[in-house]
Amino acid sequence: MDTDTFNPDALIKQMERFPRVLAAFVEPLTSDALFFVPPTGAWSIAQILGHLADEEVEDFRMRTRLTLEMPDAGWPPIDPEGSVRERNYQQPSLSPELANKPHESLARFVTERSTSIAWLHSLQNPDWSAAHVHPKFGPLHAGMLLGSWCAHDLLHLRQITKRLYEMTNNLSAPYSTRYAGDWVA
């Protein structure tokens, strides 16, 4: 396979698989794991799940659609960091009704991703070279948005893995986990 050739079908298939991978990874987690915040203050897994569901609707699908259909149209503003705070995905896990919030975010993500995949499959000969001129990033092509959408999944899967690694280090104290090897960025 030529690695320099844009392959939207492969990207869409990867995006189609991601909800199953994500669900298998996070569904068995305890509330302690879902709401764990490392000393750095980075997002918990609960916050990551809320963010993924938000971005599916408010960012990637909307902006890819606008770029393909109306590249000169303005994009609605987004504030991913602010949305995570405002929507309070980091709920205390003491209350049973709040402990379900991450699973609701996961279910919302899975539903919205299914909608996104159906929309992507419905496209007939999309012009992936269509570009929206972003005030900060310059021209953003629809193909770039599709690739970034797919990469966004993996960035957050890596973030979830890191959160679990950090939690494992905390649970192992006072013992070290260095025998496992070094966490490499």
C-alpha atoms as a PDB file:
ATOM      1  CA  MET A   1       0.000   0.000   0.000  1.00  0.00           C
ATOM      2  CA  ASP A   2       1.310   3.448  -0.907  1.00  0.00           C
ATOM      3  CA  THR A   3       1.523   5.292   2.406  1.00  0.00           C
ATOM      4  CA  ASP A   4       1.443   8.699   0.674  1.00  0.00           C
ATOM      5  CA  THR A   5      -2.019   8.170  -0.806  1.00  0.00           C
ATOM      6  CA  PHE A   6      -5.056   9.603   0.958  1.00  0.00           C
ATOM      7  CA  ASN A   7      -7.350   6.682   1.739  1.00  0.00           C
ATOM      8  CA  PRO A   8     -10.696   7.916   3.089  1.00  0.00           C
ATOM      9  CA  ASP A   9     -12.194   4.405   3.054  1.00  0.00           C
ATOM     10  CA  ALA A  10      -9.475   3.113   5.396  1.00  0.00           C
ATOM     11  CA  LEU A  11      -9.869   6.136   7.680  1.00  0.00           C
ATOM     12  CA  ILE A  12     -13.642   5.695   7.835  1.00  0.00           C
ATOM     13  CA  LYS A  13     -13.255   1.969   8.611  1.00  0.00           C
ATOM     14  CA  GLN A  14     -10.865   2.842  11.429  1.00  0.00           C
ATOM     15  CA  MET A  15     -13.369   5.393  12.744  1.00  0.00           C
ATOM     16  CA  GLU A  16     -16.095   2.761  12.506  1.00  0.00           C
ATOM     17  CA  ARG A  17     -14.067   0.340  14.673  1.00  0.00           C
ATOM     18  CA  PHE A  18     -13.091   2.881  17.306  1.00  0.00           C
ATOM     19  CA  PRO A  19     -16.324   2.868  19.371  1.00  0.00           C
ATOM     20  CA  ARG A  20     -15.957  -0.889  19.947  1.00  0.00           C
ATOM     21  CA  VAL A  21     -12.322  -0.468  20.977  1.00  0.00           C
ATOM     22  CA  LEU A  22     -13.178   2.427  23.276  1.00  0.00           C
ATOM     23  CA  ALA A  23     -16.128   0.616  24.859  1.00  0.00           C
ATOM     24  CA  ALA A  24     -14.082  -2.535  25.485  1.00  0.00           C
ATOM     25  CA  PHE A  25     -11.445  -0.394  27.119  1.00  0.00           C
ATOM     26  CA  VAL A  26     -13.609   1.752  29.422  1.00  0.00           C
ATOM     27  CA  GLU A  27     -16.839  -0.158  30.165  1.00  0.00           C
ATOM     28  CA  PRO A  28     -15.237  -2.428  32.791  1.00  0.00           C
ATOM     29  CA  LEU A  29     -13.583   0.471  34.646  1.00  0.00           C
ATOM     30  CA  THR A  30     -14.589   1.364  38.184  1.00  0.00           C
ATOM     31  CA  SER A  31     -15.734   4.838  39.199  1.00  0.00           C
ATOM     32  CA  ASP A  32     -12.346   5.335  40.832  1.00  0.00           C
ATOM     33  CA  ALA A  33     -10.651   4.715  37.494  1.00  0.00           C
ATOM     34  CA  LEU A  34     -13.130   6.804  35.494  1.00  0.00           C
ATOM     35  CA  PHE A  35     -12.849   9.835  37.787  1.00  0.00           C
ATOM     36  CA  PHE A  36      -9.130   9.568  38.615  1.00  0.00           C
ATOM     37  CA  VAL A  37      -7.325  12.884  38.085  1.00  0.00           C
ATOM     38  CA  PRO A  38      -3.522  12.746  38.150  1.00  0.00           C
ATOM     39  CA  PRO A  39      -1.489  15.264  40.172  1.00  0.00           C
ATOM     40  CA  THR A  40      -0.929  17.257  36.957  1.00  0.00           C
ATOM     41  CA  GLY A  41      -4.668  18.018  36.833  1.00  0.00           C
ATOM     42  CA  ALA A  42      -5.039  16.458  33.365  1.00  0.00           C
ATOM     43  CA  TRP A  43      -8.494  15.280  32.330  1.00  0.00           C
ATOM     44  CA  SER A  44      -9.998  12.178  33.908  1.00  0.00           C
ATOM     45  CA  ILE A  45     -11.329   9.388  31.698  1.00  0.00           C
ATOM     46  CA  ALA A  46     -14.862  10.656  32.468  1.00  0.00           C
ATOM     47  CA  GLN A  47     -13.886  14.060  31.078  1.00  0.00           C
ATOM     48  CA  ILE A  48     -12.244  12.497  28.021  1.00  0.00           C
ATOM     49  CA  LEU A  49     -15.430  10.538  27.251  1.00  0.00           C
ATOM     50  CA  GLY A  50     -17.564  13.668  27.530  1.00  0.00           C
ATOM     51  CA  HIS A  51     -15.135  15.512  25.274  1.00  0.00           C
ATOM     52  CA  LEU A  52     -15.198  12.750  22.639  1.00  0.00           C
ATOM     53  CA  ALA A  53     -19.006  12.865  22.507  1.00  0.00           C
ATOM     54  CA  ASP A  54     -19.000  16.666  22.259  1.00  0.00           C
ATOM     55  CA  GLU A  55     -16.358  16.788  19.535  1.00  0.00           C
ATOM     56  CA  GLU A  56     -18.167  14.188  17.449  1.00  0.00           C
ATOM     57  CA  VAL A  57     -21.148  16.516  17.088  1.00  0.00           C
ATOM     58  CA  GLU A  58     -19.834  20.037  17.570  1.00  0.00           C
ATOM     59  CA  ASP A  59     -16.461  19.819  15.859  1.00  0.00           C
ATOM     60  CA  PHE A  60     -15.451  17.094  13.445  1.00  0.00           C
ATOM     61  CA  ARG A  61     -18.729  16.053  11.824  1.00  0.00           C
ATOM     62  CA  MET A  62     -20.065  19.606  11.626  1.00  0.00           C
ATOM     63  CA  ARG A  63     -16.839  21.125  10.325  1.00  0.00           C
ATOM     64  CA  THR A  64     -16.189  18.352   7.819  1.00  0.00           C
ATOM     65  CA  ARG A  65     -19.742  18.702   6.517  1.00  0.00           C
ATOM     66  CA  LEU A  66     -19.463  22.486   6.272  1.00  0.00           C
ATOM     67  CA  THR A  67     -16.129  22.196   4.460  1.00  0.00           C
ATOM     68  CA  LEU A  68     -17.537  19.737   1.930  1.00  0.00           C
ATOM     69  CA  GLU A  69     -20.854  21.526   1.404  1.00  0.00           C
ATOM     70  CA  MET A  70     -20.105  25.215   2.072  1.00  0.00           C
ATOM     71  CA  PRO A  71     -16.349  25.772   2.397  1.00  0.00           C
ATOM     72  CA  ASP A  72     -16.733  29.558   2.555  1.00  0.00           C
ATOM     73  CA  ALA A  73     -19.267  29.452   5.397  1.00  0.00           C
ATOM     74  CA  GLY A  74     -18.141  30.407   8.868  1.00  0.00           C
ATOM     75  CA  TRP A  75     -17.741  27.707  11.462  1.00  0.00           C
ATOM     76  CA  PRO A  76     -19.586  27.905  14.769  1.00  0.00           C
ATOM     77  CA  PRO A  77     -17.045  28.559  17.534  1.00  0.00           C
ATOM     78  CA  ILE A  78     -16.023  25.744  19.859  1.00  0.00           C
ATOM     79  CA  ASP A  79     -14.227  25.687  23.199  1.00  0.00           C
ATOM     80  CA  PRO A  80     -13.350  22.069  24.025  1.00  0.00           C
ATOM     81  CA  GLU A  81     -11.637  22.893  27.339  1.00  0.00           C
ATOM     82  CA  GLY A  82     -14.455  25.206  28.406  1.00  0.00           C
ATOM     83  CA  SER A  83     -17.137  22.702  27.406  1.00  0.00           C
ATOM     84  CA  VAL A  84     -15.613  19.993  29.601  1.00  0.00           C
ATOM     85  CA  ARG A  85     -15.675  22.384  32.569  1.00  0.00           C
ATOM     86  CA  GLU A  86     -19.151  23.816  31.869  1.00  0.00           C
ATOM     87  CA  ARG A  87     -20.736  20.415  31.342  1.00  0.00           C
ATOM     88  CA  ASN A  88     -19.125  19.160  34.542  1.00  0.00           C
ATOM     89  CA  TYR A  89     -18.082  15.724  33.334  1.00  0.00           C
ATOM     90  CA  GLN A  90     -15.886  15.386  36.415  1.00  0.00           C
ATOM     91  CA  GLN A  91     -18.675  14.485  38.816  1.00  0.00           C
ATOM     92  CA  PRO A  92     -17.964  12.997  42.234  1.00  0.00           C
ATOM     93  CA  SER A  93     -18.356   9.236  42.121  1.00  0.00           C
ATOM     94  CA  LEU A  94     -20.050   9.032  45.538  1.00  0.00           C
ATOM     95  CA  SER A  95     -23.554   9.307  44.125  1.00  0.00           C
ATOM     96  CA  PRO A  96     -24.800   6.322  42.062  1.00  0.00           C
ATOM     97  CA  GLU A  97     -26.676   8.539  39.578  1.00  0.00           C
ATOM     98  CA  LEU A  98     -23.547  10.614  38.938  1.00  0.00           C
ATOM     99  CA  ALA A  99     -21.327   7.566  38.652  1.00  0.00           C
ATOM    100  CA  ASN A 100     -23.188   6.647  35.435  1.00  0.00           C
ATOM    101  CA  LYS A 101     -22.312   9.913  33.689  1.00  0.00           C
ATOM    102  CA  PRO A 102     -19.179   8.545  31.933  1.00  0.00           C
ATOM    103  CA  HIS A 103     -21.186   5.602  30.593  1.00  0.00           C
ATOM    104  CA  GLU A 104     -23.831   8.026  29.318  1.00  0.00           C
ATOM    105  CA  SER A 105     -21.071   9.990  27.569  1.00  0.00           C
ATOM    106  CA  LEU A 106     -19.773   6.769  26.027  1.00  0.00           C
ATOM    107  CA  ALA A 107     -23.273   5.816  24.832  1.00  0.00           C
ATOM    108  CA  ARG A 108     -23.737   9.314  23.386  1.00  0.00           C
ATOM    109  CA  PHE A 109     -20.389   9.044  21.589  1.00  0.00           C
ATOM    110  CA  VAL A 110     -21.268   5.613  20.146  1.00  0.00           C
ATOM    111  CA  THR A 111     -24.649   6.892  18.903  1.00  0.00           C
ATOM    112  CA  GLU A 112     -23.167  10.041  17.389  1.00  0.00           C
ATOM    113  CA  ARG A 113     -20.298   8.143  15.780  1.00  0.00           C
ATOM    114  CA  SER A 114     -22.838   5.817  14.164  1.00  0.00           C
ATOM    115  CA  THR A 115     -24.592   8.895  12.753  1.00  0.00           C
ATOM    116  CA  SER A 116     -21.253  10.221  11.508  1.00  0.00           C
ATOM    117  CA  ILE A 117     -20.349   6.944   9.808  1.00  0.00           C
ATOM    118  CA  ALA A 118     -23.764   6.759   8.121  1.00  0.00           C
ATOM    119  CA  TRP A 119     -23.288  10.312   6.856  1.00  0.00           C
ATOM    120  CA  LEU A 120     -19.755   9.587   5.609  1.00  0.00           C
ATOM    121  CA  HIS A 121     -20.987   6.466   3.780  1.00  0.00           C
ATOM    122  CA  SER A 122     -23.788   8.512   2.189  1.00  0.00           C
ATOM    123  CA  LEU A 123     -21.347  10.913   0.524  1.00  0.00           C
ATOM    124  CA  GLN A 124     -21.055  10.460  -3.223  1.00  0.00           C
ATOM    125  CA  ASN A 125     -17.702  11.488  -4.684  1.00  0.00           C
ATOM    126  CA  PRO A 126     -16.851  14.008  -1.969  1.00  0.00           C
ATOM    127  CA  ASP A 127     -14.236  16.612  -2.838  1.00  0.00           C
ATOM    128  CA  TRP A 128     -11.729  15.950  -0.073  1.00  0.00           C
ATOM    129  CA  SER A 129      -9.595  18.802  -1.421  1.00  0.00           C
ATOM    130  CA  ALA A 130     -12.335  21.341  -0.581  1.00  0.00           C
ATOM    131  CA  ALA A 131     -10.904  23.783   1.953  1.00  0.00           C
ATOM    132  CA  HIS A 132     -12.180  26.139   4.600  1.00  0.00           C
ATOM    133  CA  VAL A 133      -9.820  29.016   5.386  1.00  0.00           C
ATOM    134  CA  HIS A 134      -9.405  29.025   9.147  1.00  0.00           C
ATOM    135  CA  PRO A 135      -8.264  32.323  10.712  1.00  0.00           C
ATOM    136  CA  LYS A 136      -5.591  30.590  12.818  1.00  0.00           C
ATOM    137  CA  PHE A 137      -4.571  27.544  10.743  1.00  0.00           C
ATOM    138  CA  GLY A 138      -5.147  28.764   7.188  1.00  0.00           C
ATOM    139  CA  PRO A 139      -6.639  26.365   4.610  1.00  0.00           C
ATOM    140  CA  LEU A 140      -8.066  23.220   6.189  1.00  0.00           C
ATOM    141  CA  HIS A 141      -8.991  20.631   3.575  1.00  0.00           C
ATOM    142  CA  ALA A 142     -11.855  18.209   4.125  1.00  0.00           C
ATOM    143  CA  GLY A 143      -9.347  15.350   3.797  1.00  0.00           C
ATOM    144  CA  MET A 144      -7.247  16.895   6.552  1.00  0.00           C
ATOM    145  CA  LEU A 145     -10.318  17.117   8.757  1.00  0.00           C
ATOM    146  CA  LEU A 146     -11.165  13.456   8.106  1.00  0.00           C
ATOM    147  CA  GLY A 147      -7.616  12.359   8.945  1.00  0.00           C
ATOM    148  CA  SER A 148      -7.580  14.587  12.028  1.00  0.00           C
ATOM    149  CA  TRP A 149     -10.951  13.202  13.133  1.00  0.00           C
ATOM    150  CA  CYS A 150      -9.511   9.698  12.999  1.00  0.00           C
ATOM    151  CA  ALA A 151      -6.257  10.757  14.716  1.00  0.00           C
ATOM    152  CA  HIS A 152      -8.259  12.529  17.445  1.00  0.00           C
ATOM    153  CA  ASP A 153      -9.699   9.152  18.468  1.00  0.00           C
ATOM    154  CA  LEU A 154      -6.228   7.714  18.870  1.00  0.00           C
ATOM    155  CA  LEU A 155      -4.860  10.717  20.755  1.00  0.00           C
ATOM    156  CA  HIS A 156      -7.582  10.283  23.344  1.00  0.00           C
ATOM    157  CA  LEU A 157      -7.164   6.497  23.514  1.00  0.00           C
ATOM    158  CA  ARG A 158      -3.516   7.196  24.315  1.00  0.00           C
ATOM    159  CA  GLN A 159      -4.622   9.751  26.916  1.00  0.00           C
ATOM    160  CA  ILE A 160      -6.931   7.173  28.528  1.00  0.00           C
ATOM    161  CA  THR A 161      -4.092   4.649  28.581  1.00  0.00           C
ATOM    162  CA  LYS A 162      -1.825   7.194  30.247  1.00  0.00           C
ATOM    163  CA  ARG A 163      -4.474   7.939  32.877  1.00  0.00           C
ATOM    164  CA  LEU A 164      -4.702   4.212  33.688  1.00  0.00           C
ATOM    165  CA  TYR A 165      -0.900   3.990  33.821  1.00  0.00           C
ATOM    166  CA  GLU A 166      -0.776   6.921  36.266  1.00  0.00           C
ATOM    167  CA  MET A 167      -3.492   5.350  38.392  1.00  0.00           C
ATOM    168  CA  THR A 168      -1.590   2.046  38.408  1.00  0.00           C
ATOM    169  CA  ASN A 169       1.490   3.866  39.681  1.00  0.00           C
ATOM    170  CA  ASN A 170      -0.598   5.394  42.488  1.00  0.00           C
ATOM    171  CA  LEU A 171      -2.119   2.028  43.395  1.00  0.00           C
ATOM    172  CA  SER A 172       1.329   0.421  43.456  1.00  0.00           C
ATOM    173  CA  ALA A 173       2.818   2.884  45.958  1.00  0.00           C
ATOM    174  CA  PRO A 174       5.022   2.630  47.876  1.00  0.00           C
ATOM    175  CA  TYR A 175       6.371   0.203  45.288  1.00  0.00           C
ATOM    176  CA  SER A 176       7.653   1.284  41.906  1.00  0.00           C
ATOM    177  CA  THR A 177       6.385   0.073  38.534  1.00  0.00           C
ATOM    178  CA  ARG A 178       9.749   0.718  36.849  1.00  0.00           C
ATOM    179  CA  TYR A 179      10.262  -3.003  36.231  1.00  0.00           C
ATOM    180  CA  ALA A 180       7.489  -2.754  33.597  1.00  0.00           C
ATOM    181  CA  GLY A 181       9.589  -0.285  31.610  1.00  0.00           C
ATOM    182  CA  ASP A 182       9.516   3.442  31.072  1.00  0.00           C
ATOM    183  CA  TRP A 183       6.465   5.330  29.840  1.00  0.00           C
ATOM    184  CA  VAL A 184       7.638   6.858  26.591  1.00  0.00           C
ATOM    185  CA  ALA A 185       5.788   9.852  25.185  1.00  0.00           C
END
